[in-house]
Amino acid sequence: MIERPILGIVAVAAVLAASVWGRSARRLLRVSRRIDHSTGSHSEAAQLAKASLLKDTHATVLYAAVALVTAVAAISTSAWADAISVILLVPVVVSLRYAQQLANHARLTESRSQLEQRAQEVLVQEALAPKRWAARLAPEEVPEFAGFELGTVYQAGTGMMAGDFYDVFRAAPNRVAAVIGDVAGHGIEPSISAFQAKHLLRVFLRQYRDPAQALEELNTQISGMDRGEEFISMCVVVFDTEAGTLRYASAGHPSSFFCGDDEVRSLKATGPLISLERHSTYTSREIPLEGGDLVVMYTDGLAEARNGEQLFGEERIAALIRRDPSVDPDVLCKALVEAAADFATSPVTDDIAILAIRRI
C-alpha cells in the first residue's frame, strides 16, 4: 500500500523523465560513435558530442535514482527507507567528478558559438557588399539642382558586383554634368574600374569645360593602369545654364536621346571606348538648351533585352520617349524598364541604369 501518494506521483514522473533522457543518451551515443569514426575521437565535434552524451547520461541516472528513492519512500514505513535516499548521492558525485570537464565543454561550446556568429556576420556583410557598392556607383537618391528635374533607375543583373554607373553633379556654378557608363565584364575588377572612372571624371569635368577633353584625359589615365580588355563605354552631357547650351561627348556608349521641340534625336558616340587606345581622340557636340528639353541616358542592358532573336533596341526606346515627352523623368525611367521587361521573353541578366534629366 502506498503510504505517501505524492511521492508515488513523483516516482512515476521521474521514471518518465529517465526514459526520455535515456532515449536521448542512446541517440547521442550513436552520433558520438559515428563522429569518432569519421573525424577521430579528439576532434572538436567529437568532444562536443561526448559532452552532450555525458550530460544526457547524467540526467538519466539522476532521474532513475530519484524514481527509485521516491518509489521506496512512497510504499515503505520503515525508518530504513530514509537511508535509501543516499542513492541520490550517486548522480551528485558524478556531477562533482566531471564538473571541470563539463565546464571545459561549455567554454568550447561558447567559443564555437562565437565563431559561428562571426561567420554569420561575415556572410551578412558579403551579402550587403554588392548592394552598398552599387549604391555608390548608381545611388537611388541623386542631388537636386535648381532648374532641373531628374529621374533615375538602377536594376541589378545576375552578377555579384555592378559595372554600370551614373553621376550628376555641379561642375561649375553654371554647369551641371550628367554621366552614365558601363565597364565590360562582371565581378569586382570591373566594379572597381567603374568607381575609379566615375570619380576621376568628376575631377576632369571640373577642370575642363569641354566633355571631350575630359574623356581624353580619363582615357589616358585609365589606359595607363593596364587593365587589359576592361573597356568602358561612357556618355557625358554638360548643361550650361548661362550659355543656354547642352554639350555632350560619348565614348562608344549606346545612343542617348535628346528631346526638344517635339523632336527626339540620338546622341551617338563621338569617340571610341575608354582604354581601347591610349591616345584616342574625342569630339563634343553642342545643342541649344531650352526649358522643357529632355535628355535620356541608359546602359546597354536596357537596349539588349531579348525577345528570341530580337533586341528591345534603340528604336523602341526612342518611340517610348516620343509617346509622352513631357512625362516626369522618374516615371519615364520606370516605364522604360517595365517596357523592356514586358518585351523580353527571358529574364534580363545584365545591369540596367537609366538617367533622365529635364531643363525646366
Protein backbone atom coordinates (compact mmCIF):
# COMPACT_ATOMS: atom_id res chain seq x y z
CA MET A 1 0.00 0.00 0.00
CA ILE A 2 1.21 3.48 -0.86
CA GLU A 3 1.89 5.40 2.31
CA ARG A 4 2.83 8.66 0.61
CA PRO A 5 0.82 9.20 -2.66
CA ILE A 6 2.66 12.42 -3.56
CA LEU A 7 5.99 10.57 -3.57
CA GLY A 8 4.38 7.90 -5.73
CA ILE A 9 3.46 10.53 -8.32
CA VAL A 10 7.00 11.94 -8.16
CA ALA A 11 8.39 8.44 -8.72
CA VAL A 12 6.24 7.91 -11.84
CA ALA A 13 7.24 11.32 -13.21
CA ALA A 14 10.91 10.57 -12.55
CA VAL A 15 10.61 7.25 -14.42
CA LEU A 16 9.15 9.05 -17.43
CA ALA A 17 11.92 11.67 -17.30
CA ALA A 18 14.59 8.98 -17.04
CA SER A 19 13.07 7.29 -20.10
CA VAL A 20 13.16 10.50 -22.13
CA TRP A 21 16.75 11.32 -21.20
CA GLY A 22 17.74 7.67 -21.74
CA ARG A 23 16.46 7.69 -25.33
CA SER A 24 18.33 10.93 -25.95
CA ALA A 25 21.51 9.40 -24.49
CA ARG A 26 21.22 6.34 -26.74
CA ARG A 27 20.83 8.56 -29.78
CA LEU A 28 23.83 10.67 -28.81
CA LEU A 29 25.85 7.51 -28.25
CA ARG A 30 25.26 6.50 -31.87
CA VAL A 31 26.12 10.01 -33.04
CA SER A 32 29.30 10.07 -30.96
CA ARG A 33 30.45 6.77 -32.43
CA ARG A 34 29.83 7.97 -35.98
CA ILE A 35 31.77 11.20 -35.35
CA ASP A 36 34.64 9.27 -33.76
CA HIS A 37 34.77 7.05 -36.82
CA SER A 38 34.67 9.90 -39.35
CA THR A 39 36.70 12.66 -37.67
CA GLY A 40 38.58 10.97 -34.85
CA SER A 41 37.94 10.93 -31.12
CA HIS A 42 39.98 14.08 -30.45
CA SER A 43 38.20 16.36 -32.90
CA GLU A 44 36.18 19.33 -31.65
CA ALA A 45 32.95 17.81 -32.94
CA ALA A 46 33.71 14.52 -31.14
CA GLN A 47 34.42 16.35 -27.89
CA LEU A 48 31.16 18.26 -28.09
CA ALA A 49 29.21 15.08 -28.88
CA LYS A 50 30.76 13.32 -25.87
CA ALA A 51 29.91 16.28 -23.64
CA SER A 52 26.28 16.12 -24.72
CA LEU A 53 26.26 12.33 -24.20
CA LEU A 54 27.70 12.74 -20.70
CA LYS A 55 25.09 15.32 -19.74
CA ASP A 56 22.19 13.21 -21.01
CA THR A 57 23.58 10.10 -19.30
CA HIS A 58 23.92 12.04 -16.07
CA ALA A 59 20.32 13.25 -16.32
CA THR A 60 19.15 9.69 -16.96
CA VAL A 61 20.97 8.36 -13.88
CA LEU A 62 19.71 11.26 -11.75
CA TYR A 63 16.07 10.73 -12.64
CA ALA A 64 16.41 6.95 -12.25
CA ALA A 65 17.83 7.48 -8.75
CA VAL A 66 15.02 9.90 -7.89
CA ALA A 67 12.46 7.39 -9.15
CA LEU A 68 13.93 4.57 -7.06
CA VAL A 69 14.23 6.61 -3.88
CA THR A 70 10.77 8.15 -4.07
CA ALA A 71 9.17 4.82 -5.01
CA VAL A 72 10.68 3.12 -1.93
CA ALA A 73 9.80 6.05 0.27
CA ALA A 74 6.24 6.05 -1.00
CA ILE A 75 5.47 2.45 -0.03
CA SER A 76 7.70 1.94 3.00
CA THR A 77 7.02 2.76 6.64
CA SER A 78 10.44 1.67 7.77
CA ALA A 79 12.95 4.15 9.05
CA TRP A 80 15.48 2.45 6.78
CA ALA A 81 13.62 3.91 3.78
CA ASP A 82 15.14 7.30 4.51
CA ALA A 83 18.59 5.78 4.35
CA ILE A 84 17.95 4.69 0.77
CA SER A 85 17.99 8.36 -0.20
CA VAL A 86 21.75 8.03 -0.08
CA ILE A 87 21.37 6.68 -3.64
CA LEU A 88 20.85 10.29 -4.70
CA LEU A 89 24.47 10.87 -3.83
CA VAL A 90 25.48 8.85 -6.92
CA PRO A 91 24.50 11.50 -9.52
CA VAL A 92 25.80 14.20 -7.19
CA VAL A 93 29.22 12.52 -7.03
CA VAL A 94 29.17 12.09 -10.83
CA SER A 95 28.43 15.81 -11.21
CA LEU A 96 31.38 16.69 -8.97
CA ARG A 97 33.66 14.17 -10.69
CA TYR A 98 33.02 15.58 -14.17
CA ALA A 99 32.36 19.22 -13.22
CA GLN A 100 35.64 20.53 -14.69
CA GLN A 101 35.21 18.53 -17.90
CA LEU A 102 31.65 19.79 -18.32
CA ALA A 103 32.81 23.39 -17.70
CA ASN A 104 35.51 22.97 -20.37
CA HIS A 105 32.97 21.66 -22.82
CA ALA A 106 30.70 24.62 -22.01
CA ARG A 107 33.55 27.01 -22.82
CA LEU A 108 34.24 25.11 -26.04
CA THR A 109 30.57 25.39 -27.00
CA GLU A 110 30.61 29.12 -26.23
CA SER A 111 33.75 29.61 -28.31
CA ARG A 112 32.27 27.69 -31.20
CA SER A 113 29.06 29.72 -30.95
CA GLN A 114 31.05 32.95 -31.14
CA LEU A 115 32.92 31.70 -34.20
CA GLU A 116 29.65 30.77 -35.86
CA GLN A 117 28.23 34.18 -35.02
CA ARG A 118 31.23 35.93 -36.55
CA ALA A 119 30.97 33.71 -39.62
CA GLN A 120 27.30 34.66 -39.93
CA GLU A 121 28.18 38.34 -39.66
CA VAL A 122 30.75 37.92 -42.44
CA LEU A 123 28.14 36.24 -44.63
CA VAL A 124 25.73 39.09 -43.99
CA GLN A 125 28.39 41.65 -44.89
CA GLU A 126 29.20 39.72 -48.08
CA ALA A 127 25.52 39.77 -49.00
CA LEU A 128 25.25 43.51 -48.35
CA ALA A 129 28.53 44.46 -50.07
CA PRO A 130 27.21 44.33 -53.68
CA LYS A 131 24.21 46.49 -52.72
CA ARG A 132 26.36 49.03 -50.93
CA TRP A 133 28.83 49.12 -53.81
CA ALA A 134 26.01 49.56 -56.33
CA ALA A 135 24.65 52.41 -54.19
CA ARG A 136 27.98 54.21 -54.64
CA LEU A 137 28.03 53.66 -58.40
CA ALA A 138 24.34 54.32 -59.06
CA PRO A 139 22.67 55.87 -56.00
CA GLU A 140 18.89 55.74 -55.76
CA GLU A 141 18.83 59.33 -54.48
CA VAL A 142 20.63 61.99 -56.53
CA PRO A 143 21.09 65.63 -55.54
CA GLU A 144 18.50 68.19 -56.58
CA PHE A 145 19.58 71.01 -58.89
CA ALA A 146 17.61 74.19 -59.29
CA GLY A 147 16.14 74.38 -62.78
CA PHE A 148 16.30 70.64 -63.46
CA GLU A 149 14.12 67.57 -62.95
CA LEU A 150 15.94 64.24 -62.57
CA GLY A 151 14.85 60.63 -62.79
CA THR A 152 16.95 57.51 -62.23
CA VAL A 153 16.60 53.75 -62.25
CA TYR A 154 19.15 51.08 -61.46
CA GLN A 155 18.26 47.41 -61.84
CA ALA A 156 20.90 44.88 -60.86
CA GLY A 157 21.57 41.93 -63.14
CA THR A 158 22.69 38.47 -62.11
CA GLY A 159 26.31 39.44 -61.39
CA MET A 160 27.51 39.89 -57.80
CA MET A 161 29.07 43.30 -58.48
CA ALA A 162 27.85 46.11 -60.69
CA GLY A 163 29.78 47.61 -63.59
CA ASP A 164 27.15 50.21 -64.59
CA PHE A 165 27.26 53.68 -63.06
CA TYR A 166 25.86 57.16 -63.35
CA ASP A 167 26.55 60.52 -61.77
CA VAL A 168 25.03 64.01 -61.71
CA PHE A 169 26.92 66.89 -60.13
CA ARG A 170 27.60 70.60 -60.44
CA ALA A 171 30.86 71.03 -62.35
CA ALA A 172 30.74 74.82 -62.03
CA PRO A 173 28.25 77.43 -60.76
CA ASN A 174 26.53 77.49 -64.15
CA ARG A 175 27.29 73.92 -65.35
CA VAL A 176 25.64 70.63 -64.37
CA ALA A 177 27.29 67.43 -65.61
CA ALA A 178 25.50 64.13 -66.16
CA VAL A 179 27.45 60.93 -66.73
CA ILE A 180 26.48 57.35 -67.45
CA GLY A 181 28.82 54.44 -68.16
CA ASP A 182 29.34 50.71 -68.29
CA VAL A 183 32.53 48.72 -67.70
CA ALA A 184 32.85 45.50 -69.72
CA GLY A 185 32.69 42.29 -67.72
CA HIS A 186 31.33 41.31 -64.32
CA GLY A 187 32.80 41.00 -60.86
CA ILE A 188 34.92 43.03 -58.51
CA GLU A 189 37.55 44.27 -61.00
CA PRO A 190 35.12 45.97 -63.44
CA SER A 191 33.27 47.40 -60.44
CA ILE A 192 36.47 48.94 -59.08
CA SER A 193 37.22 50.39 -62.52
CA ALA A 194 33.71 51.89 -62.67
CA PHE A 195 34.25 53.53 -59.29
CA GLN A 196 37.61 54.95 -60.36
CA ALA A 197 36.28 56.21 -63.70
CA LYS A 198 33.29 57.88 -62.08
CA HIS A 199 35.36 59.85 -59.60
CA LEU A 200 38.25 60.66 -61.94
CA LEU A 201 35.76 62.09 -64.40
CA ARG A 202 34.37 64.37 -61.69
CA VAL A 203 37.85 65.88 -61.38
CA PHE A 204 38.36 66.30 -65.12
CA LEU A 205 34.89 67.77 -65.77
CA ARG A 206 35.57 70.43 -63.15
CA GLN A 207 38.93 71.10 -64.78
CA TYR A 208 37.80 71.19 -68.44
CA ARG A 209 34.69 72.86 -69.89
CA ASP A 210 34.70 70.51 -72.87
CA PRO A 211 33.49 66.95 -72.02
CA ALA A 212 35.55 65.57 -74.92
CA GLN A 213 38.72 66.91 -73.33
CA ALA A 214 37.70 65.35 -70.02
CA LEU A 215 37.17 61.99 -71.74
CA GLU A 216 40.59 62.20 -73.39
CA GLU A 217 42.25 62.82 -70.02
CA LEU A 218 40.25 59.98 -68.46
CA ASN A 219 41.23 57.64 -71.28
CA THR A 220 44.91 58.47 -70.75
CA GLN A 221 44.66 57.77 -67.03
CA ILE A 222 42.65 54.55 -67.32
CA SER A 223 44.78 53.20 -70.17
CA GLY A 224 47.88 53.77 -68.06
CA MET A 225 46.51 51.40 -65.41
CA ASP A 226 46.93 48.48 -67.82
CA ARG A 227 43.65 46.72 -67.01
CA GLY A 228 43.73 44.55 -70.13
CA GLU A 229 40.44 44.43 -72.03
CA GLU A 230 38.45 46.23 -69.35
CA PHE A 231 36.85 48.74 -71.73
CA ILE A 232 34.45 51.44 -70.61
CA SER A 233 31.61 52.94 -72.60
CA MET A 234 30.51 56.33 -71.36
CA CYS A 235 28.34 59.30 -72.26
CA VAL A 236 28.87 62.76 -70.74
CA VAL A 237 26.37 65.62 -71.03
CA VAL A 238 27.14 69.11 -69.68
CA PHE A 239 24.25 71.55 -69.25
CA ASP A 240 25.42 75.17 -69.37
CA THR A 241 22.62 77.32 -67.96
CA GLU A 242 24.48 80.58 -68.58
CA ALA A 243 25.20 79.88 -72.27
CA GLY A 244 21.88 78.05 -72.76
CA THR A 245 23.59 75.05 -74.34
CA LEU A 246 24.00 71.34 -73.94
CA ARG A 247 27.40 69.89 -74.83
CA TYR A 248 27.95 66.14 -74.98
CA ALA A 249 30.63 63.58 -75.80
CA SER A 250 30.30 59.80 -75.91
CA ALA A 251 32.99 57.13 -75.65
CA GLY A 252 31.48 54.24 -77.59
CA HIS A 253 28.30 54.35 -75.50
CA PRO A 254 24.82 53.38 -76.78
CA SER A 255 22.99 56.39 -78.20
CA SER A 256 21.44 58.65 -75.63
CA PHE A 257 18.41 60.71 -76.66
CA PHE A 258 17.70 64.44 -76.67
CA CYS A 259 14.07 65.51 -76.82
CA GLY A 260 13.36 69.14 -77.73
CA ASP A 261 10.89 70.98 -79.98
CA ASP A 262 8.83 67.76 -80.28
CA GLU A 263 11.84 66.08 -81.88
CA VAL A 264 13.79 63.12 -80.49
CA ARG A 265 17.37 62.91 -81.77
CA SER A 266 20.06 60.41 -80.88
CA LEU A 267 23.32 61.45 -79.27
CA LYS A 268 25.69 59.00 -80.91
CA ALA A 269 29.24 58.09 -79.96
CA THR A 270 31.86 60.75 -80.66
CA GLY A 271 34.89 58.57 -79.91
CA PRO A 272 36.00 55.01 -79.09
CA LEU A 273 35.64 53.09 -75.84
CA ILE A 274 37.76 54.27 -72.93
CA SER A 275 41.06 52.28 -72.70
CA LEU A 276 40.67 50.85 -76.22
CA GLU A 277 43.60 53.02 -77.38
CA ARG A 278 45.74 55.16 -75.09
CA HIS A 279 45.91 58.12 -77.48
CA SER A 280 42.30 58.11 -78.69
CA THR A 281 40.70 61.44 -79.54
CA TYR A 282 37.16 62.52 -78.74
CA THR A 283 34.92 65.28 -80.04
CA SER A 284 31.97 67.03 -78.46
CA ARG A 285 28.78 68.43 -79.96
CA GLU A 286 26.69 71.33 -78.81
CA ILE A 287 22.91 71.75 -78.88
CA PRO A 288 20.87 74.81 -77.84
CA LEU A 289 19.15 74.17 -74.50
CA GLU A 290 15.62 75.38 -73.83
CA GLY A 291 13.21 74.92 -70.97
CA GLY A 292 11.43 71.56 -71.25
CA ASP A 293 14.28 69.88 -73.15
CA LEU A 294 14.92 66.32 -72.00
CA VAL A 295 17.97 64.02 -72.14
CA VAL A 296 17.64 60.26 -71.57
CA MET A 297 20.79 58.21 -70.98
CA TYR A 298 20.97 54.46 -70.36
CA THR A 299 23.30 51.46 -70.37
CA ASP A 300 23.16 48.61 -72.86
CA GLY A 301 21.26 46.26 -70.56
CA LEU A 302 18.08 48.18 -71.49
CA ALA A 303 18.53 48.02 -75.28
CA GLU A 304 19.70 44.39 -75.20
CA ALA A 305 16.62 42.92 -73.51
CA ARG A 306 15.71 39.97 -75.76
CA ASN A 307 12.59 38.51 -77.29
CA GLY A 308 14.01 35.47 -79.07
CA GLU A 309 16.48 36.90 -81.58
CA GLN A 310 15.05 40.43 -81.35
CA LEU A 311 16.51 43.13 -79.15
CA PHE A 312 14.44 45.78 -77.40
CA GLY A 313 16.72 48.22 -79.20
CA GLU A 314 17.14 51.96 -79.56
CA GLU A 315 14.08 52.46 -81.78
CA ARG A 316 11.69 51.16 -79.10
CA ILE A 317 13.39 53.37 -76.52
CA ALA A 318 13.01 56.43 -78.77
CA ALA A 319 9.38 55.54 -79.54
CA LEU A 320 8.51 55.35 -75.85
CA ILE A 321 10.12 58.76 -75.27
CA ARG A 322 8.14 60.25 -78.19
CA ARG A 323 4.89 58.87 -76.80
CA ASP A 324 4.88 61.39 -73.94
CA PRO A 325 7.96 63.63 -73.87
CA SER A 326 6.51 65.78 -71.07
CA VAL A 327 6.20 62.88 -68.60
CA ASP A 328 8.03 63.14 -65.27
CA PRO A 329 11.64 61.91 -65.73
CA ASP A 330 11.35 59.42 -62.88
CA VAL A 331 8.15 57.96 -64.34
CA LEU A 332 9.80 57.73 -67.76
CA CYS A 333 12.77 55.77 -66.35
CA LYS A 334 10.47 53.26 -64.67
CA ALA A 335 8.34 52.97 -67.82
CA LEU A 336 11.41 52.13 -69.90
CA VAL A 337 12.45 49.33 -67.53
CA GLU A 338 8.90 47.93 -67.43
CA ALA A 339 8.61 48.08 -71.24
CA ALA A 340 11.89 46.17 -71.64
CA ALA A 341 10.76 43.56 -69.10
CA ASP A 342 7.40 43.14 -70.90
CA PHE A 343 9.20 42.79 -74.23
CA ALA A 344 11.74 40.21 -73.05
CA THR A 345 10.83 36.52 -73.12
CA SER A 346 13.63 35.64 -70.70
CA PRO A 347 14.89 37.40 -67.57
CA VAL A 348 17.13 40.40 -68.17
CA THR A 349 20.50 39.31 -66.77
CA ASP A 350 22.55 42.46 -67.42
CA ASP A 351 22.60 45.55 -65.21
CA ILE A 352 20.36 48.40 -66.33
CA ALA A 353 20.99 52.01 -65.42
CA ILE A 354 18.85 54.90 -66.72
CA LEU A 355 19.26 58.62 -66.14
CA ALA A 356 16.73 61.22 -67.39
CA ILE A 357 17.22 64.99 -66.98
CA ARG A 358 14.85 67.78 -67.99
CA ARG A 359 15.64 71.51 -68.06
CA ILE A 360 12.74 73.42 -66.56
